[in-house]
PDB file of all heavy atoms in Angstrom:
ATOM      1  N   VAL A   1       0.848  -1.194  -0.003  1.00  0.00           N
ATOM      2  CA  VAL A   1      -0.005   0.002  -0.005  1.00  0.00           C
ATOM      3  C   VAL A   1       0.873   1.250  -0.003  1.00  0.00           C
ATOM      4  O   VAL A   1       1.600   1.520   0.971  1.00  0.00           O
ATOM      5  CB  VAL A   1      -0.942   0.005   1.230  1.00  0.00           C
ATOM      6  CG1 VAL A   1      -1.863   1.215   1.170  1.00  0.00           C
ATOM      7  CG2 VAL A   1      -1.754  -1.284   1.287  1.00  0.00           C
ATOM      8  N   SER A   2       0.816   2.011  -1.066  1.00  0.00           N
ATOM      9  CA  SER A   2       1.672   3.199  -1.173  1.00  0.00           C
ATOM     10  C   SER A   2       1.261   4.295  -0.198  1.00  0.00           C
ATOM     11  O   SER A   2       2.075   5.153   0.145  1.00  0.00           O
ATOM     12  CB  SER A   2       1.631   3.739  -2.614  1.00  0.00           C
ATOM     13  OG  SER A   2       0.311   4.126  -2.963  1.00  0.00           O
ATOM     14  N   THR A   3      -0.011   4.273   0.260  1.00  0.00           N
ATOM     15  CA  THR A   3      -0.511   5.304   1.176  1.00  0.00           C
ATOM     16  C   THR A   3      -0.747   4.729   2.563  1.00  0.00           C
ATOM     17  O   THR A   3      -1.659   5.174   3.270  1.00  0.00           O
ATOM     18  CB  THR A   3      -1.817   5.896   0.625  1.00  0.00           C
ATOM     19  OG1 THR A   3      -2.782   4.824   0.442  1.00  0.00           O
ATOM     20  CG2 THR A   3      -1.590   6.595  -0.709  1.00  0.00           C
ATOM     21  N   ILE A   4       0.076   3.780   2.978  1.00  0.00           N
ATOM     22  CA  ILE A   4      -0.211   3.055   4.218  1.00  0.00           C
ATOM     23  C   ILE A   4      -0.267   3.978   5.425  1.00  0.00           C
ATOM     24  O   ILE A   4      -1.121   3.802   6.310  1.00  0.00           O
ATOM     25  CB  ILE A   4       0.818   1.927   4.456  1.00  0.00           C
ATOM     26  CG1 ILE A   4       0.392   1.056   5.646  1.00  0.00           C
ATOM     27  CG2 ILE A   4       2.228   2.466   4.619  1.00  0.00           C
ATOM     28  CD1 ILE A   4      -0.919   0.339   5.460  1.00  0.00           C
ATOM     29  N   ASP A   5       0.556   4.997   5.517  1.00  0.00           N
ATOM     30  CA  ASP A   5       0.501   5.910   6.673  1.00  0.00           C
ATOM     31  C   ASP A   5      -0.834   6.633   6.721  1.00  0.00           C
ATOM     32  O   ASP A   5      -1.416   6.818   7.796  1.00  0.00           O
ATOM     33  CB  ASP A   5       1.658   6.907   6.612  1.00  0.00           C
ATOM     34  CG  ASP A   5       3.003   6.253   6.874  1.00  0.00           C
ATOM     35  OD1 ASP A   5       3.038   5.144   7.451  1.00  0.00           O
ATOM     36  OD2 ASP A   5       4.034   6.851   6.500  1.00  0.00           O
ATOM     37  N   GLN A   6      -1.310   7.048   5.565  1.00  0.00           N
ATOM     38  CA  GLN A   6      -2.609   7.741   5.496  1.00  0.00           C
ATOM     39  C   GLN A   6      -3.747   6.797   5.863  1.00  0.00           C
ATOM     40  O   GLN A   6      -4.672   7.173   6.594  1.00  0.00           O
ATOM     41  CB  GLN A   6      -2.809   8.266   4.080  1.00  0.00           C
ATOM     42  CG  GLN A   6      -4.118   9.015   3.875  1.00  0.00           C
ATOM     43  CD  GLN A   6      -4.257   9.492   2.415  1.00  0.00           C
ATOM     44  OE1 GLN A   6      -3.281   9.655   1.707  1.00  0.00           O
ATOM     45  NE2 GLN A   6      -5.500   9.680   2.007  1.00  0.00           N
ATOM     46  N   VAL A   7      -3.676   5.577   5.387  1.00  0.00           N
ATOM     47  CA  VAL A   7      -4.705   4.578   5.699  1.00  0.00           C
ATOM     48  C   VAL A   7      -4.731   4.318   7.201  1.00  0.00           C
ATOM     49  O   VAL A   7      -5.802   4.297   7.832  1.00  0.00           O
ATOM     50  CB  VAL A   7      -4.451   3.281   4.915  1.00  0.00           C
ATOM     51  CG1 VAL A   7      -5.339   2.145   5.445  1.00  0.00           C
ATOM     52  CG2 VAL A   7      -4.692   3.484   3.421  1.00  0.00           C
ATOM     53  N   ARG A   8      -3.561   4.130   7.797  1.00  0.00           N
ATOM     54  CA  ARG A   8      -3.510   3.867   9.221  1.00  0.00           C
ATOM     55  C   ARG A   8      -4.018   5.031  10.044  1.00  0.00           C
ATOM     56  O   ARG A   8      -4.748   4.857  11.029  1.00  0.00           O
ATOM     57  CB  ARG A   8      -2.072   3.522   9.619  1.00  0.00           C
ATOM     58  CG  ARG A   8      -1.609   2.143   9.219  1.00  0.00           C
ATOM     59  CD  ARG A   8      -0.155   1.926   9.494  1.00  0.00           C
ATOM     60  NE  ARG A   8       0.244   0.533   9.321  1.00  0.00           N
ATOM     61  CZ  ARG A   8       1.487   0.132   9.232  1.00  0.00           C
ATOM     62  NH1 ARG A   8       2.490   1.008   9.326  1.00  0.00           N
ATOM     63  NH2 ARG A   8       1.776  -1.148   9.067  1.00  0.00           N
ATOM     64  N   ALA A   9      -3.646   6.243   9.651  1.00  0.00           N
ATOM     65  CA  ALA A   9      -4.079   7.438  10.384  1.00  0.00           C
ATOM     66  C   ALA A   9      -5.603   7.585  10.304  1.00  0.00           C
ATOM     67  O   ALA A   9      -6.254   7.942  11.296  1.00  0.00           O
ATOM     68  CB  ALA A   9      -3.388   8.671   9.836  1.00  0.00           C
ATOM     69  N   GLY A  10      -6.160   7.313   9.134  1.00  0.00           N
ATOM     70  CA  GLY A  10      -7.613   7.428   8.985  1.00  0.00           C
ATOM     71  C   GLY A  10      -8.348   6.403   9.832  1.00  0.00           C
ATOM     72  O   GLY A  10      -9.365   6.726  10.449  1.00  0.00           O
ATOM     73  N   ARG A  11      -7.830   5.201   9.874  1.00  0.00           N
ATOM     74  CA  ARG A  11      -8.452   4.159  10.679  1.00  0.00           C
ATOM     75  C   ARG A  11      -8.362   4.493  12.161  1.00  0.00           C
ATOM     76  O   ARG A  11      -9.331   4.352  12.901  1.00  0.00           O
ATOM     77  CB  ARG A  11      -7.810   2.810  10.386  1.00  0.00           C
ATOM     78  CG  ARG A  11      -8.424   1.655  11.179  1.00  0.00           C
ATOM     79  CD  ARG A  11      -7.717   0.344  10.911  1.00  0.00           C
ATOM     80  NE  ARG A  11      -7.929  -0.066   9.521  1.00  0.00           N
ATOM     81  CZ  ARG A  11      -6.969  -0.134   8.622  1.00  0.00           C
ATOM     82  NH1 ARG A  11      -5.741   0.212   8.945  1.00  0.00           N
ATOM     83  NH2 ARG A  11      -7.217  -0.531   7.411  1.00  0.00           N
ATOM     84  N   ARG A  12      -7.179   4.943  12.600  1.00  0.00           N
ATOM     85  CA  ARG A  12      -7.001   5.286  13.994  1.00  0.00           C
ATOM     86  C   ARG A  12      -7.949   6.426  14.418  1.00  0.00           C
ATOM     87  O   ARG A  12      -8.563   6.383  15.492  1.00  0.00           O
ATOM     88  CB  ARG A  12      -5.538   5.723  14.228  1.00  0.00           C
ATOM     89  CG  ARG A  12      -5.159   6.028  15.653  1.00  0.00           C
ATOM     90  CD  ARG A  12      -5.047   4.746  16.461  1.00  0.00           C
ATOM     91  NE  ARG A  12      -6.282   4.463  17.223  1.00  0.00           N
ATOM     92  CZ  ARG A  12      -6.533   3.292  17.771  1.00  0.00           C
ATOM     93  NH1 ARG A  12      -5.697   2.290  17.644  1.00  0.00           N
ATOM     94  NH2 ARG A  12      -7.648   3.096  18.465  1.00  0.00           N
ATOM     95  N   LYS A  13      -8.085   7.412  13.546  1.00  0.00           N
ATOM     96  CA  LYS A  13      -8.979   8.544  13.838  1.00  0.00           C
ATOM     97  C   LYS A  13     -10.417   8.071  13.964  1.00  0.00           C
ATOM     98  O   LYS A  13     -11.150   8.477  14.871  1.00  0.00           O
ATOM     99  CB  LYS A  13      -8.861   9.587  12.711  1.00  0.00           C
ATOM    100  CG  LYS A  13      -9.712  10.827  12.925  1.00  0.00           C
ATOM    101  CD  LYS A  13      -9.412  11.840  11.841  1.00  0.00           C
ATOM    102  CE  LYS A  13     -10.166  13.114  12.124  1.00  0.00           C
ATOM    103  NZ  LYS A  13     -11.197  13.436  11.181  1.00  0.00           N
ATOM    104  N   LEU A  14     -10.840   7.196  13.061  1.00  0.00           N
ATOM    105  CA  LEU A  14     -12.206   6.679  13.071  1.00  0.00           C
ATOM    106  C   LEU A  14     -12.472   5.912  14.354  1.00  0.00           C
ATOM    107  O   LEU A  14     -13.501   6.127  15.016  1.00  0.00           O
ATOM    108  CB  LEU A  14     -12.384   5.755  11.852  1.00  0.00           C
ATOM    109  CG  LEU A  14     -13.779   5.209  11.611  1.00  0.00           C
ATOM    110  CD1 LEU A  14     -14.675   6.305  11.025  1.00  0.00           C
ATOM    111  CD2 LEU A  14     -13.735   4.046  10.628  1.00  0.00           C
ATOM    112  N   VAL A  15     -11.567   5.030  14.738  1.00  0.00           N
ATOM    113  CA  VAL A  15     -11.756   4.234  15.961  1.00  0.00           C
ATOM    114  C   VAL A  15     -11.739   5.145  17.187  1.00  0.00           C
ATOM    115  O   VAL A  15     -12.572   4.991  18.088  1.00  0.00           O
ATOM    116  CB  VAL A  15     -10.681   3.145  16.046  1.00  0.00           C
ATOM    117  CG1 VAL A  15     -10.690   2.480  17.433  1.00  0.00           C
ATOM    118  CG2 VAL A  15     -10.879   2.086  14.967  1.00  0.00           C
ATOM    119  N   ASP A  16     -10.823   6.091  17.233  1.00  0.00           N
ATOM    120  CA  ASP A  16     -10.735   6.977  18.385  1.00  0.00           C
ATOM    121  C   ASP A  16     -12.004   7.794  18.541  1.00  0.00           C
ATOM    122  O   ASP A  16     -12.507   7.991  19.668  1.00  0.00           O
ATOM    123  CB  ASP A  16      -9.529   7.903  18.273  1.00  0.00           C
ATOM    124  CG  ASP A  16      -8.204   7.197  18.533  1.00  0.00           C
ATOM    125  OD1 ASP A  16      -8.235   6.044  19.025  1.00  0.00           O
ATOM    126  OD2 ASP A  16      -7.151   7.774  18.228  1.00  0.00           O
ATOM    127  N   GLU A  17     -12.544   8.274  17.423  1.00  0.00           N
ATOM    128  CA  GLU A  17     -13.789   9.054  17.477  1.00  0.00           C
ATOM    129  C   GLU A  17     -14.936   8.186  17.975  1.00  0.00           C
ATOM    130  O   GLU A  17     -15.766   8.630  18.788  1.00  0.00           O
ATOM    131  CB  GLU A  17     -14.104   9.628  16.109  1.00  0.00           C
ATOM    132  CG  GLU A  17     -13.189  10.795  15.699  1.00  0.00           C
ATOM    133  CD  GLU A  17     -13.465  11.281  14.287  1.00  0.00           C
ATOM    134  OE1 GLU A  17     -14.287  10.631  13.576  1.00  0.00           O
ATOM    135  OE2 GLU A  17     -12.884  12.304  13.902  1.00  0.00           O
ATOM    136  N   GLY A  18     -15.002   6.942  17.489  1.00  0.00           N
ATOM    137  CA  GLY A  18     -16.057   6.043  17.945  1.00  0.00           C
ATOM    138  C   GLY A  18     -15.955   5.727  19.412  1.00  0.00           C
ATOM    139  O   GLY A  18     -16.957   5.720  20.134  1.00  0.00           O
ATOM    140  N   LEU A  19     -14.730   5.496  19.901  1.00  0.00           N
ATOM    141  CA  LEU A  19     -14.536   5.231  21.325  1.00  0.00           C
ATOM    142  C   LEU A  19     -14.973   6.425  22.174  1.00  0.00           C
ATOM    143  O   LEU A  19     -15.591   6.266  23.230  1.00  0.00           O
ATOM    144  CB  LEU A  19     -13.073   4.880  21.590  1.00  0.00           C
ATOM    145  CG  LEU A  19     -12.586   3.530  21.079  1.00  0.00           C
ATOM    146  CD1 LEU A  19     -11.071   3.413  21.211  1.00  0.00           C
ATOM    147  CD2 LEU A  19     -13.258   2.381  21.812  1.00  0.00           C
ATOM    148  N   ALA A  20     -14.616   7.614  21.706  1.00  0.00           N
ATOM    149  CA  ALA A  20     -14.944   8.826  22.466  1.00  0.00           C
ATOM    150  C   ALA A  20     -16.443   9.095  22.485  1.00  0.00           C
ATOM    151  O   ALA A  20     -16.996   9.548  23.494  1.00  0.00           O
ATOM    152  CB  ALA A  20     -14.198  10.025  21.864  1.00  0.00           C
ATOM    153  N   GLN A  21     -17.114   8.794  21.385  1.00  0.00           N
ATOM    154  CA  GLN A  21     -18.531   9.134  21.276  1.00  0.00           C
ATOM    155  C   GLN A  21     -19.475   8.064  21.798  1.00  0.00           C
ATOM    156  O   GLN A  21     -20.578   8.362  22.254  1.00  0.00           O
ATOM    157  CB  GLN A  21     -18.877   9.405  19.803  1.00  0.00           C
ATOM    158  CG  GLN A  21     -18.192  10.632  19.235  1.00  0.00           C
ATOM    159  CD  GLN A  21     -18.391  10.763  17.731  1.00  0.00           C
ATOM    160  OE1 GLN A  21     -19.246  10.102  17.146  1.00  0.00           O
ATOM    161  NE2 GLN A  21     -17.583  11.612  17.116  1.00  0.00           N
ATOM    162  N   GLY A  22     -19.040   6.786  21.753  1.00  0.00           N
ATOM    163  CA  GLY A  22     -19.984   5.732  22.139  1.00  0.00           C
ATOM    164  C   GLY A  22     -19.341   4.454  22.630  1.00  0.00           C
ATOM    165  O   GLY A  22     -20.038   3.453  22.809  1.00  0.00           O
ATOM    166  N   GLY A  23     -18.051   4.450  22.831  1.00  0.00           N
ATOM    167  CA  GLY A  23     -17.400   3.263  23.359  1.00  0.00           C
ATOM    168  C   GLY A  23     -17.065   2.237  22.276  1.00  0.00           C
ATOM    169  O   GLY A  23     -17.216   2.500  21.080  1.00  0.00           O
ATOM    170  N   PRO A  24     -16.655   1.048  22.691  1.00  0.00           N
ATOM    171  CA  PRO A  24     -16.178   0.038  21.736  1.00  0.00           C
ATOM    172  C   PRO A  24     -17.194  -0.381  20.694  1.00  0.00           C
ATOM    173  O   PRO A  24     -16.839  -0.629  19.544  1.00  0.00           O
ATOM    174  CB  PRO A  24     -15.795  -1.141  22.636  1.00  0.00           C
ATOM    175  CG  PRO A  24     -15.462  -0.513  23.948  1.00  0.00           C
ATOM    176  CD  PRO A  24     -16.398   0.643  24.089  1.00  0.00           C
ATOM    177  N   ARG A  25     -18.482  -0.457  21.059  1.00  0.00           N
ATOM    178  CA  ARG A  25     -19.480  -0.892  20.072  1.00  0.00           C
ATOM    179  C   ARG A  25     -19.611   0.112  18.951  1.00  0.00           C
ATOM    180  O   ARG A  25     -19.685  -0.258  17.768  1.00  0.00           O
ATOM    181  CB  ARG A  25     -20.834  -1.141  20.734  1.00  0.00           C
ATOM    182  CG  ARG A  25     -20.907  -2.441  21.518  1.00  0.00           C
ATOM    183  CD  ARG A  25     -22.258  -2.615  22.174  1.00  0.00           C
ATOM    184  NE  ARG A  25     -23.330  -2.857  21.202  1.00  0.00           N
ATOM    185  CZ  ARG A  25     -23.718  -4.089  20.815  1.00  0.00           C
ATOM    186  NH1 ARG A  25     -23.124  -5.170  21.295  1.00  0.00           N
ATOM    187  NH2 ARG A  25     -24.713  -4.227  19.971  1.00  0.00           N
ATOM    188  N   LEU A  26     -19.648   1.408  19.264  1.00  0.00           N
ATOM    189  CA  LEU A  26     -19.755   2.416  18.220  1.00  0.00           C
ATOM    190  C   LEU A  26     -18.470   2.443  17.391  1.00  0.00           C
ATOM    191  O   LEU A  26     -18.513   2.555  16.169  1.00  0.00           O
ATOM    192  CB  LEU A  26     -20.036   3.792  18.809  1.00  0.00           C
ATOM    193  CG  LEU A  26     -20.105   4.916  17.748  1.00  0.00           C
ATOM    194  CD1 LEU A  26     -21.226   4.649  16.737  1.00  0.00           C
ATOM    195  CD2 LEU A  26     -20.325   6.272  18.422  1.00  0.00           C
ATOM    196  N   ALA A  27     -17.336   2.327  18.047  1.00  0.00           N
ATOM    197  CA  ALA A  27     -16.073   2.291  17.313  1.00  0.00           C
ATOM    198  C   ALA A  27     -16.057   1.128  16.340  1.00  0.00           C
ATOM    199  O   ALA A  27     -15.593   1.257  15.191  1.00  0.00           O
ATOM    200  CB  ALA A  27     -14.892   2.202  18.280  1.00  0.00           C
ATOM    201  N   THR A  28     -16.548  -0.013  16.772  1.00  0.00           N
ATOM    202  CA  THR A  28     -16.605  -1.185  15.894  1.00  0.00           C
ATOM    203  C   THR A  28     -17.585  -0.975  14.759  1.00  0.00           C
ATOM    204  O   THR A  28     -17.307  -1.336  13.606  1.00  0.00           O
ATOM    205  CB  THR A  28     -16.985  -2.435  16.705  1.00  0.00           C
ATOM    206  OG1 THR A  28     -15.955  -2.666  17.682  1.00  0.00           O
ATOM    207  CG2 THR A  28     -17.123  -3.655  15.822  1.00  0.00           C
ATOM    208  N   GLU A  29     -18.737  -0.368  15.059  1.00  0.00           N
ATOM    209  CA  GLU A  29     -19.695  -0.073  13.981  1.00  0.00           C
ATOM    210  C   GLU A  29     -19.076   0.835  12.934  1.00  0.00           C
ATOM    211  O   GLU A  29     -19.190   0.587  11.723  1.00  0.00           O
ATOM    212  CB  GLU A  29     -20.964   0.569  14.536  1.00  0.00           C
ATOM    213  CG  GLU A  29     -21.944   0.920  13.412  1.00  0.00           C
ATOM    214  CD  GLU A  29     -23.220   1.573  13.896  1.00  0.00           C
ATOM    215  OE1 GLU A  29     -23.563   1.404  15.090  1.00  0.00           O
ATOM    216  OE2 GLU A  29     -23.890   2.245  13.085  1.00  0.00           O
ATOM    217  N   LEU A  30     -18.404   1.890  13.358  1.00  0.00           N
ATOM    218  CA  LEU A  30     -17.797   2.813  12.413  1.00  0.00           C
ATOM    219  C   LEU A  30     -16.718   2.121  11.597  1.00  0.00           C
ATOM    220  O   LEU A  30     -16.587   2.337  10.383  1.00  0.00           O
ATOM    221  CB  LEU A  30     -17.229   4.019  13.142  1.00  0.00           C
ATOM    222  CG  LEU A  30     -18.249   4.930  13.853  1.00  0.00           C
ATOM    223  CD1 LEU A  30     -17.538   6.064  14.570  1.00  0.00           C
ATOM    224  CD2 LEU A  30     -19.287   5.475  12.865  1.00  0.00           C
ATOM    225  N   PHE A  31     -15.926   1.275  12.268  1.00  0.00           N
ATOM    226  CA  PHE A  31     -14.891   0.529  11.564  1.00  0.00           C
ATOM    227  C   PHE A  31     -15.518  -0.403  10.533  1.00  0.00           C
ATOM    228  O   PHE A  31     -15.087  -0.437   9.359  1.00  0.00           O
ATOM    229  CB  PHE A  31     -14.062  -0.264  12.561  1.00  0.00           C
ATOM    230  CG  PHE A  31     -13.063  -1.195  11.924  1.00  0.00           C
ATOM    231  CD1 PHE A  31     -11.854  -0.701  11.457  1.00  0.00           C
ATOM    232  CD2 PHE A  31     -13.347  -2.539  11.770  1.00  0.00           C
ATOM    233  CE1 PHE A  31     -10.937  -1.560  10.843  1.00  0.00           C
ATOM    234  CE2 PHE A  31     -12.428  -3.391  11.169  1.00  0.00           C
ATOM    235  CZ  PHE A  31     -11.222  -2.903  10.696  1.00  0.00           C
ATOM    236  N   LEU A  32     -16.540  -1.153  10.912  1.00  0.00           N
ATOM    237  CA  LEU A  32     -17.177  -2.088   9.986  1.00  0.00           C
ATOM    238  C   LEU A  32     -17.826  -1.348   8.825  1.00  0.00           C
ATOM    239  O   LEU A  32     -17.759  -1.803   7.668  1.00  0.00           O
ATOM    240  CB  LEU A  32     -18.212  -2.945  10.724  1.00  0.00           C
ATOM    241  CG  LEU A  32     -17.642  -3.946  11.731  1.00  0.00           C
ATOM    242  CD1 LEU A  32     -18.771  -4.633  12.482  1.00  0.00           C
ATOM    243  CD2 LEU A  32     -16.756  -4.964  11.039  1.00  0.00           C
ATOM    244  N   ARG A  33     -18.466  -0.225   9.096  1.00  0.00           N
ATOM    245  CA  ARG A  33     -19.058   0.559   7.998  1.00  0.00           C
ATOM    246  C   ARG A  33     -17.973   1.022   7.025  1.00  0.00           C
ATOM    247  O   ARG A  33     -18.189   1.026   5.806  1.00  0.00           O
ATOM    248  CB  ARG A  33     -19.815   1.757   8.551  1.00  0.00           C
ATOM    249  CG  ARG A  33     -21.155   1.436   9.178  1.00  0.00           C
ATOM    250  CD  ARG A  33     -21.857   2.691   9.644  1.00  0.00           C
ATOM    251  NE  ARG A  33     -23.156   2.440  10.232  1.00  0.00           N
ATOM    252  CZ  ARG A  33     -24.295   2.317   9.554  1.00  0.00           C
ATOM    253  NH1 ARG A  33     -24.278   2.432   8.233  1.00  0.00           N
ATOM    254  NH2 ARG A  33     -25.439   2.080  10.185  1.00  0.00           N
ATOM    255  N   SER A  34     -16.829   1.399   7.544  1.00  0.00           N
ATOM    256  CA  SER A  34     -15.764   1.888   6.669  1.00  0.00           C
ATOM    257  C   SER A  34     -15.194   0.742   5.811  1.00  0.00           C
ATOM    258  O   SER A  34     -14.766   0.968   4.668  1.00  0.00           O
ATOM    259  CB  SER A  34     -14.630   2.515   7.496  1.00  0.00           C
ATOM    260  OG  SER A  34     -13.865   1.539   8.170  1.00  0.00           O
ATOM    261  N   VAL A  35     -15.215  -0.471   6.345  1.00  0.00           N
ATOM    262  CA  VAL A  35     -14.676  -1.614   5.606  1.00  0.00           C
ATOM    263  C   VAL A  35     -15.724  -2.189   4.663  1.00  0.00           C
ATOM    264  O   VAL A  35     -15.425  -2.477   3.505  1.00  0.00           O
ATOM    265  CB  VAL A  35     -14.210  -2.699   6.605  1.00  0.00           C
ATOM    266  CG1 VAL A  35     -13.786  -3.961   5.855  1.00  0.00           C
ATOM    267  CG2 VAL A  35     -13.045  -2.192   7.433  1.00  0.00           C
ATOM    268  N   MET A  36     -16.951  -2.350   5.155  1.00  0.00           N
ATOM    269  CA  MET A  36     -17.991  -2.976   4.358  1.00  0.00           C
ATOM    270  C   MET A  36     -18.654  -2.040   3.362  1.00  0.00           C
ATOM    271  O   MET A  36     -19.071  -2.450   2.287  1.00  0.00           O
ATOM    272  CB  MET A  36     -19.125  -3.488   5.284  1.00  0.00           C
ATOM    273  CG  MET A  36     -18.758  -4.558   6.243  1.00  0.00           C
ATOM    274  SD  MET A  36     -20.213  -4.997   7.230  1.00  0.00           S
ATOM    275  CE  MET A  36     -19.530  -6.249   8.311  1.00  0.00           C
TER     276      MET A  36
END
């Protein structure tokens, strides 16, 4: 992946936002939505 740092940063931001707003379940939902 030529943009691996960008991909990792985007994923980390998404998970952190989910954890802050709704805990692990929301973070997982946001992660799954981004993947699926």
